[in-house]
Amino acid sequence: MSRLVSPLVLIAVVLVVLTAGCAGLVGENDVPGEQLSQELNTTEPPETLFATVETTTTTTDSNGSETESLTETVWLRDDGTSRTEAGENHSSEEDGGYIVVNDGEQVWYQDTESGSVTSYETQTNDSSRLERIYAEQERYFDRFEVRSVNETTIDGRQAHRVVFEPPRNETVDRSIDIMIEETTYRIPLETSLENVSGDQPDEIVIAFDAETMFPLQYEMASPSAEFSVTYENVSFNDPLDDELFEFEPPADSEPDDIVLPETADYDSVDDADAAVNFSVSTPDNDTIPSGFELESVSGTTYPDEDRTQVTQSYRDDDDRSIRVAIGDGPRSIPVEGSSVSVDGVDGTIAETEQGTELEWERDEHYYHLFADEDLSEETVLEIAESLHT
């Protein structure tokens, strides 16, 4: 792959959110947001897609502004196979050309400058890239408020321009193929915004193709960053040569294999506790602030780190979050902050722009707790200590 980015400093757009809102500022000939959402839900992804993808990122800090751009050519099929190519046309000096091929069983990444090759096995439960793109758009409608809908044209194609308003305290992250804890394995089928952490977007704008509901353009604006992805020269449902989705490593190369984490979702904490080889405790309900409900329970096994982690995620109607993670090994990147006592053992607590992080170890169990920024440190410690009562 092109490189490893660690620690993670990117807006990886994880689509958490509110409920769908009503469309505003809709013109006489425009399609209401609710109607577009229904159309998207009933639209089948195309069988194939070919496009040129233009990505531009502008970040602003105390030292000024910096703009980076990237041009990729993508071929996608609904059977999960895909190909992405990028020449040495990055504005970033760190990046060169690359080829990414998913042949349905293995994903291959080749740095065309150095010739190095990296690969990993596709996941048996993986949906196709096309399916993931459409599912991502559905989550926007389901959980972001629609501010306005207008008609527009993107590279000669009629499109519906939808402006979404993110809820308060929301950070936005575009999906990427592999994100393992704080380390991002960069597979350029997805576009990531780097060098921005915890930025609050003012708005998200997506232009949906009027014929296929494919997102032809994505734009995000925040006080410190502007980010856009545009699909150009798009063709849908045209036959694509099978050879595009085949990859033979160069004879003189020694591909590096990555072992991906294995994830599982559980119906309850008890189910997760029964599935792992360590005990999973739950916070005392009295310590969880009013309005918070358990949203999900998931488990992740990291073969390279020889550890497993179970995460309990809580959320309230204002989209504030609390996450409690318990594992049988230390996280790859520890919390850096101040020392604190958690029920008689040493821990580390840190305040960030997003919220409070707390980490500690007890009886060979490793705990990590995150709480939204407007929840007090006292509340965080109460939740932590209740795990041991």
Protein backbone atom coordinates (compact mmCIF):
# COMPACT_ATOMS: atom_id res chain seq x y z
CA MET A 1 0.00 0.00 0.00
CA SER A 2 1.08 3.52 -0.41
CA ARG A 3 1.86 3.98 3.25
CA LEU A 4 0.68 3.56 6.78
CA VAL A 5 -0.71 6.62 8.47
CA SER A 6 -0.29 6.39 12.24
CA PRO A 7 -1.47 7.72 14.53
CA LEU A 8 -4.75 8.33 12.81
CA VAL A 9 -5.17 11.97 11.93
CA LEU A 10 -7.94 12.03 9.44
CA ILE A 11 -11.59 12.67 9.20
CA ALA A 12 -12.57 9.11 8.39
CA VAL A 13 -16.26 9.94 7.78
CA VAL A 14 -18.00 7.41 10.15
CA LEU A 15 -21.62 8.07 9.56
CA VAL A 16 -23.12 8.52 12.97
CA VAL A 17 -26.12 10.80 13.32
CA LEU A 18 -29.62 12.01 13.99
CA THR A 19 -32.93 11.20 12.34
CA ALA A 20 -33.87 12.39 8.90
CA GLY A 21 -35.19 15.94 8.65
CA CYS A 22 -37.45 17.67 6.21
CA ALA A 23 -36.13 19.26 3.06
CA GLY A 24 -36.02 23.01 2.99
CA LEU A 25 -35.69 25.62 0.25
CA VAL A 26 -37.06 23.20 -2.35
CA GLY A 27 -37.87 24.86 -5.64
CA GLU A 28 -41.03 24.32 -7.64
CA ASN A 29 -39.39 21.75 -9.93
CA ASP A 30 -37.11 20.20 -7.34
CA VAL A 31 -37.57 16.78 -5.75
CA PRO A 32 -38.22 16.81 -1.96
CA GLY A 33 -35.59 15.15 0.26
CA GLU A 34 -38.02 12.53 1.54
CA GLN A 35 -38.85 11.48 -2.02
CA LEU A 36 -35.17 11.26 -2.90
CA SER A 37 -34.54 9.12 0.17
CA GLN A 38 -37.29 6.72 -0.87
CA GLU A 39 -35.94 6.59 -4.41
CA LEU A 40 -32.45 5.80 -3.13
CA ASN A 41 -33.79 3.02 -0.91
CA THR A 42 -35.46 1.32 -3.87
CA THR A 43 -32.69 1.85 -6.40
CA GLU A 44 -30.44 -1.09 -7.24
CA PRO A 45 -26.76 -0.24 -7.72
CA PRO A 46 -25.52 -0.51 -11.32
CA GLU A 47 -23.83 -3.72 -12.43
CA THR A 48 -20.68 -1.81 -13.41
CA LEU A 49 -19.19 1.66 -13.12
CA PHE A 50 -16.28 3.36 -14.85
CA ALA A 51 -15.19 6.86 -13.84
CA THR A 52 -12.41 9.32 -13.28
CA VAL A 53 -12.42 10.49 -9.66
CA GLU A 54 -11.10 13.94 -8.78
CA THR A 55 -10.38 14.58 -5.11
CA THR A 56 -9.36 17.94 -3.66
CA THR A 57 -8.55 18.69 -0.04
CA THR A 58 -7.77 22.14 1.37
CA THR A 59 -6.74 22.43 5.01
CA THR A 60 -6.20 25.64 6.92
CA ASP A 61 -4.30 26.19 10.15
CA SER A 62 -2.23 28.88 11.82
CA ASN A 63 0.49 28.42 9.17
CA GLY A 64 -1.86 29.07 6.25
CA SER A 65 -3.70 26.91 3.73
CA GLU A 66 -2.59 23.85 1.79
CA THR A 67 -4.38 22.18 -1.10
CA GLU A 68 -3.82 18.60 -2.25
CA SER A 69 -5.40 16.93 -5.25
CA LEU A 70 -5.62 13.41 -6.60
CA THR A 71 -6.92 11.87 -9.83
CA GLU A 72 -7.94 8.20 -9.90
CA THR A 73 -9.51 5.97 -12.53
CA VAL A 74 -11.91 3.37 -11.14
CA TRP A 75 -13.64 0.28 -12.52
CA LEU A 76 -16.25 -1.31 -10.23
CA ARG A 77 -18.44 -4.40 -10.64
CA ASP A 78 -21.36 -5.57 -8.55
CA ASP A 79 -19.67 -8.93 -7.89
CA GLY A 80 -17.20 -7.12 -5.63
CA THR A 81 -14.27 -6.99 -8.04
CA SER A 82 -12.71 -3.59 -8.65
CA ARG A 83 -9.69 -1.76 -9.98
CA THR A 84 -8.25 1.66 -9.17
CA GLU A 85 -5.32 3.35 -10.87
CA ALA A 86 -3.59 6.61 -10.05
CA GLY A 87 -0.63 8.07 -11.87
CA GLU A 88 2.03 10.24 -10.35
CA ASN A 89 -0.35 13.18 -10.44
CA HIS A 90 -0.72 13.76 -6.73
CA SER A 91 -0.07 17.23 -5.43
CA SER A 92 1.47 15.63 -2.34
CA GLU A 93 5.19 14.94 -2.63
CA GLU A 94 4.80 11.81 -0.48
CA ASP A 95 2.59 9.95 -2.95
CA GLY A 96 3.33 8.30 -6.26
CA GLY A 97 1.29 6.16 -8.62
CA TYR A 98 -0.47 2.98 -7.58
CA ILE A 99 -2.77 0.20 -8.74
CA VAL A 100 -5.34 -1.48 -6.50
CA VAL A 101 -7.08 -4.65 -7.72
CA ASN A 102 -9.73 -6.64 -5.88
CA ASP A 103 -10.03 -9.94 -7.74
CA GLY A 104 -12.81 -11.22 -5.48
CA GLU A 105 -10.52 -13.26 -3.25
CA GLN A 106 -7.52 -11.02 -2.69
CA VAL A 107 -6.93 -7.26 -2.73
CA TRP A 108 -3.62 -6.28 -4.31
CA TYR A 109 -1.92 -2.91 -3.93
CA GLN A 110 1.10 -2.05 -6.07
CA ASP A 111 3.19 1.09 -5.73
CA THR A 112 4.06 1.72 -9.36
CA GLU A 113 7.09 3.83 -8.44
CA SER A 114 8.84 1.32 -6.17
CA GLY A 115 7.18 -1.82 -7.52
CA SER A 116 6.33 -2.98 -3.99
CA VAL A 117 3.20 -5.11 -3.60
CA THR A 118 0.91 -5.54 -0.58
CA SER A 119 -2.12 -7.81 -0.34
CA TYR A 120 -4.83 -8.98 2.00
CA GLU A 121 -7.71 -11.42 1.75
CA THR A 122 -11.16 -10.06 1.04
CA GLN A 123 -13.64 -10.64 3.82
CA THR A 124 -16.24 -13.34 3.22
CA ASN A 125 -19.04 -11.01 4.32
CA ASP A 126 -17.82 -8.09 2.24
CA SER A 127 -20.40 -6.33 0.13
CA SER A 128 -19.31 -4.87 -3.18
CA ARG A 129 -17.88 -1.37 -3.32
CA LEU A 130 -20.96 -0.28 -5.27
CA GLU A 131 -23.26 -1.61 -2.54
CA ARG A 132 -21.23 0.16 0.15
CA ILE A 133 -21.43 3.46 -1.72
CA TYR A 134 -25.21 3.27 -1.91
CA ALA A 135 -25.55 2.12 1.71
CA GLU A 136 -23.44 5.08 2.82
CA GLN A 137 -25.81 7.52 1.10
CA GLU A 138 -28.83 5.91 2.76
CA ARG A 139 -27.27 6.56 6.15
CA TYR A 140 -26.97 10.25 5.31
CA PHE A 141 -30.69 10.50 4.60
CA ASP A 142 -31.63 8.35 7.57
CA ARG A 143 -29.69 10.31 10.14
CA PHE A 144 -28.72 13.76 8.84
CA GLU A 145 -31.12 16.66 8.44
CA VAL A 146 -31.75 17.79 4.87
CA ARG A 147 -31.33 21.56 4.58
CA SER A 148 -32.13 21.99 0.89
CA VAL A 149 -32.57 20.17 -2.43
CA ASN A 150 -31.86 21.70 -5.86
CA GLU A 151 -31.34 20.47 -9.39
CA THR A 152 -27.87 20.77 -10.94
CA THR A 153 -25.55 19.30 -13.56
CA ILE A 154 -22.33 17.38 -12.83
CA ASP A 155 -20.05 16.74 -15.81
CA GLY A 156 -23.03 16.90 -18.16
CA ARG A 157 -25.30 14.62 -16.10
CA GLN A 158 -28.52 15.80 -14.42
CA ALA A 159 -28.27 15.54 -10.65
CA HIS A 160 -30.09 16.30 -7.40
CA ARG A 161 -27.95 18.52 -5.15
CA VAL A 162 -28.74 17.76 -1.49
CA VAL A 163 -27.35 19.84 1.38
CA PHE A 164 -27.15 17.94 4.67
CA GLU A 165 -26.76 19.64 8.01
CA PRO A 166 -24.67 17.59 10.48
CA PRO A 167 -25.80 17.64 14.11
CA ARG A 168 -23.78 19.36 16.79
CA ASN A 169 -20.55 17.71 17.93
CA GLU A 170 -20.47 15.64 14.75
CA THR A 171 -17.20 14.78 13.04
CA VAL A 172 -17.43 13.47 9.50
CA ASP A 173 -15.35 10.74 7.99
CA ARG A 174 -15.46 9.14 4.55
CA SER A 175 -15.33 5.38 4.64
CA ILE A 176 -12.03 3.69 3.85
CA ASP A 177 -11.35 0.07 3.11
CA ILE A 178 -9.10 -0.69 6.07
CA MET A 179 -8.95 1.29 9.28
CA ILE A 180 -7.46 -0.67 12.16
CA GLU A 181 -7.65 1.18 15.47
CA GLU A 182 -5.47 4.29 15.15
CA THR A 183 -3.64 2.97 12.08
CA THR A 184 -5.01 3.55 8.61
CA TYR A 185 -4.03 1.11 5.89
CA ARG A 186 -4.55 3.29 2.87
CA ILE A 187 -6.44 1.59 0.04
CA PRO A 188 -7.22 4.39 -2.40
CA LEU A 189 -10.56 2.95 -3.58
CA GLU A 190 -11.80 5.25 -0.86
CA THR A 191 -10.80 8.85 -0.40
CA SER A 192 -9.69 10.02 3.03
CA LEU A 193 -9.18 13.51 4.37
CA GLU A 194 -5.95 13.64 6.33
CA ASN A 195 -4.32 16.18 8.63
CA VAL A 196 -7.64 17.19 10.19
CA SER A 197 -8.79 15.73 13.48
CA GLY A 198 -12.12 16.34 15.13
CA ASP A 199 -13.26 19.10 12.78
CA GLN A 200 -16.93 20.08 12.89
CA PRO A 201 -18.37 20.31 9.36
CA ASP A 202 -20.70 23.21 8.58
CA GLU A 203 -22.46 21.27 5.84
CA ILE A 204 -22.19 18.21 3.61
CA VAL A 205 -23.33 18.45 -0.01
CA ILE A 206 -23.98 15.41 -2.20
CA ALA A 207 -25.08 15.52 -5.85
CA PHE A 208 -27.00 12.36 -6.79
CA ASP A 209 -27.22 11.25 -10.40
CA ALA A 210 -30.87 11.70 -11.45
CA GLU A 211 -30.90 8.40 -13.35
CA THR A 212 -29.06 6.03 -10.98
CA MET A 213 -28.93 7.93 -7.64
CA PHE A 214 -25.16 7.40 -7.61
CA PRO A 215 -23.33 10.17 -5.65
CA LEU A 216 -21.53 12.01 -8.45
CA GLN A 217 -20.10 14.62 -6.11
CA TYR A 218 -19.39 14.91 -2.40
CA GLU A 219 -18.40 18.17 -0.71
CA MET A 220 -17.66 18.94 2.91
CA ALA A 221 -16.87 22.35 4.41
CA SER A 222 -15.70 23.15 7.91
CA PRO A 223 -13.79 26.03 9.53
CA SER A 224 -10.45 24.36 8.83
CA ALA A 225 -11.04 22.15 5.79
CA GLU A 226 -12.74 21.87 2.44
CA PHE A 227 -13.04 18.47 0.81
CA SER A 228 -14.56 17.39 -2.48
CA VAL A 229 -14.82 14.19 -4.54
CA THR A 230 -16.21 14.34 -8.08
CA TYR A 231 -16.89 11.43 -10.44
CA GLU A 232 -16.34 12.45 -14.08
CA ASN A 233 -16.59 10.65 -17.44
CA VAL A 234 -18.97 8.26 -15.70
CA SER A 235 -20.47 5.25 -17.47
CA PHE A 236 -22.88 2.76 -15.90
CA ASN A 237 -23.62 -0.86 -16.83
CA ASP A 238 -21.08 -1.04 -19.66
CA PRO A 239 -19.20 -4.37 -20.00
CA LEU A 240 -15.76 -4.33 -18.35
CA ASP A 241 -12.93 -6.62 -19.46
CA ASP A 242 -12.21 -9.45 -17.00
CA GLU A 243 -8.50 -8.78 -17.34
CA LEU A 244 -8.96 -5.48 -15.49
CA PHE A 245 -9.70 -7.45 -12.33
CA GLU A 246 -6.75 -9.81 -12.52
CA PHE A 247 -3.38 -9.14 -10.92
CA GLU A 248 -0.11 -11.02 -11.21
CA PRO A 249 2.64 -9.79 -8.86
CA PRO A 250 5.91 -8.96 -10.63
CA ALA A 251 8.33 -11.87 -10.62
CA ASP A 252 10.92 -9.95 -8.60
CA SER A 253 8.48 -8.78 -5.93
CA GLU A 254 7.74 -10.28 -2.51
CA PRO A 255 4.19 -9.26 -1.58
CA ASP A 256 3.58 -8.28 2.03
CA ASP A 257 0.41 -9.80 3.47
CA ILE A 258 -1.81 -7.98 5.95
CA VAL A 259 -4.03 -9.94 8.30
CA LEU A 260 -7.23 -7.99 8.84
CA PRO A 261 -9.10 -7.79 12.14
CA GLU A 262 -12.20 -9.95 12.46
CA THR A 263 -15.34 -8.18 13.61
CA ALA A 264 -18.65 -9.39 15.00
CA ASP A 265 -21.85 -7.70 16.16
CA TYR A 266 -23.73 -9.03 19.19
CA ASP A 267 -27.33 -8.70 20.28
CA SER A 268 -26.32 -8.15 23.90
CA VAL A 269 -23.36 -7.80 26.23
CA ASP A 270 -24.11 -11.30 27.54
CA ASP A 271 -23.70 -12.68 24.01
CA ALA A 272 -20.37 -10.91 23.67
CA ASP A 273 -19.24 -12.14 27.08
CA ALA A 274 -20.02 -15.73 26.04
CA ALA A 275 -18.11 -15.36 22.77
CA VAL A 276 -14.75 -14.15 24.16
CA ASN A 277 -12.26 -15.65 26.58
CA PHE A 278 -12.39 -12.81 29.10
CA SER A 279 -15.18 -11.33 31.19
CA VAL A 280 -17.09 -8.33 29.83
CA SER A 281 -18.63 -6.15 32.53
CA THR A 282 -21.23 -3.42 32.01
CA PRO A 283 -21.42 0.05 33.53
CA ASP A 284 -23.89 0.63 36.33
CA ASN A 285 -27.05 2.14 34.80
CA ASP A 286 -27.05 4.84 37.48
CA THR A 287 -23.72 6.16 36.17
CA ILE A 288 -24.89 6.48 32.55
CA PRO A 289 -26.35 9.98 32.06
CA SER A 290 -30.08 10.27 31.47
CA GLY A 291 -31.14 9.81 27.86
CA PHE A 292 -28.32 7.48 26.85
CA GLU A 293 -29.22 4.04 25.50
CA LEU A 294 -27.04 1.09 24.54
CA GLU A 295 -26.84 1.36 20.74
CA SER A 296 -24.54 -1.53 19.80
CA VAL A 297 -22.19 -4.21 21.09
CA SER A 298 -19.33 -5.33 18.85
CA GLY A 299 -16.22 -7.44 19.12
CA THR A 300 -12.96 -7.11 17.21
CA THR A 301 -10.06 -9.57 17.11
CA TYR A 302 -6.64 -8.25 16.05
CA PRO A 303 -4.54 -11.28 14.96
CA ASP A 304 -1.34 -9.28 14.54
CA GLU A 305 -1.67 -7.89 18.06
CA ASP A 306 -2.97 -11.14 19.58
CA ARG A 307 -5.84 -9.39 21.33
CA THR A 308 -9.63 -9.13 21.28
CA GLN A 309 -11.77 -6.15 22.27
CA VAL A 310 -15.49 -5.79 23.00
CA THR A 311 -17.00 -2.31 22.63
CA GLN A 312 -20.29 -1.12 24.11
CA SER A 313 -21.59 2.04 22.40
CA TYR A 314 -24.17 4.33 23.99
CA ARG A 315 -25.89 7.32 22.35
CA ASP A 316 -28.54 9.88 23.26
CA ASP A 317 -31.07 11.91 21.26
CA ASP A 318 -28.57 14.77 20.93
CA ASP A 319 -26.15 12.35 19.24
CA ARG A 320 -23.70 12.43 22.13
CA SER A 321 -21.80 9.18 22.57
CA ILE A 322 -20.15 7.04 25.23
CA ARG A 323 -18.02 4.02 24.30
CA VAL A 324 -16.72 1.41 26.72
CA ALA A 325 -14.09 -1.00 25.37
CA ILE A 326 -12.72 -4.00 27.28
CA GLY A 327 -9.96 -6.19 25.89
CA ASP A 328 -7.44 -8.87 26.79
CA GLY A 329 -4.44 -6.89 25.58
CA PRO A 330 -3.22 -3.26 25.40
CA ARG A 331 -4.21 -1.01 22.52
CA SER A 332 -1.50 -0.30 19.97
CA ILE A 333 -1.45 3.43 20.76
CA PRO A 334 -1.98 4.34 24.43
CA VAL A 335 -3.80 7.41 25.68
CA GLU A 336 -1.45 10.29 26.45
CA GLY A 337 -2.65 12.46 29.31
CA SER A 338 -2.69 12.85 33.06
CA SER A 339 -2.48 10.15 35.70
CA VAL A 340 -5.68 9.30 37.55
CA SER A 341 -6.88 6.60 39.92
CA VAL A 342 -9.67 4.26 38.79
CA ASP A 343 -10.96 2.23 41.73
CA GLY A 344 -7.50 2.01 43.21
CA VAL A 345 -5.49 1.33 40.03
CA ASP A 346 -3.49 3.75 37.92
CA GLY A 347 -5.07 5.09 34.74
CA THR A 348 -4.55 7.82 32.17
CA ILE A 349 -7.12 10.46 31.28
CA ALA A 350 -7.00 12.99 28.44
CA GLU A 351 -9.25 15.81 27.21
CA THR A 352 -9.54 16.17 23.43
CA GLU A 353 -11.66 18.31 21.10
CA GLN A 354 -14.07 15.39 20.75
CA GLY A 355 -14.35 14.40 24.40
CA THR A 356 -12.66 12.61 27.28
CA GLU A 357 -10.61 9.42 26.97
CA LEU A 358 -9.75 7.22 29.92
CA GLU A 359 -7.56 4.10 29.87
CA TRP A 360 -6.51 1.65 32.58
CA GLU A 361 -5.61 -2.00 33.21
CA ARG A 362 -6.84 -4.30 35.94
CA ASP A 363 -6.57 -8.06 36.40
CA GLU A 364 -5.22 -8.50 32.86
CA HIS A 365 -8.25 -6.68 31.43
CA TYR A 366 -7.57 -3.52 29.44
CA TYR A 367 -10.21 -0.79 29.58
CA HIS A 368 -10.74 2.23 27.34
CA LEU A 369 -13.60 4.69 27.81
CA PHE A 370 -14.62 7.61 25.61
CA ALA A 371 -17.30 10.18 26.48
CA ASP A 372 -18.52 13.18 24.51
CA GLU A 373 -16.89 16.53 25.21
CA ASP A 374 -19.71 18.02 27.29
CA LEU A 375 -19.79 15.07 29.71
CA SER A 376 -17.75 15.80 32.82
CA GLU A 377 -14.58 14.03 33.91
CA GLU A 378 -16.41 13.10 37.10
CA THR A 379 -19.06 11.27 35.04
CA VAL A 380 -16.38 9.43 33.08
CA LEU A 381 -14.68 8.23 36.26
CA GLU A 382 -18.01 7.15 37.78
CA ILE A 383 -18.76 5.04 34.71
CA ALA A 384 -15.26 3.54 34.80
CA GLU A 385 -15.34 2.62 38.46
CA SER A 386 -18.81 1.05 38.14
CA LEU A 387 -17.29 -1.58 35.83
CA HIS A 388 -15.57 -3.07 38.90
CA THR A 389 -18.51 -3.12 41.31
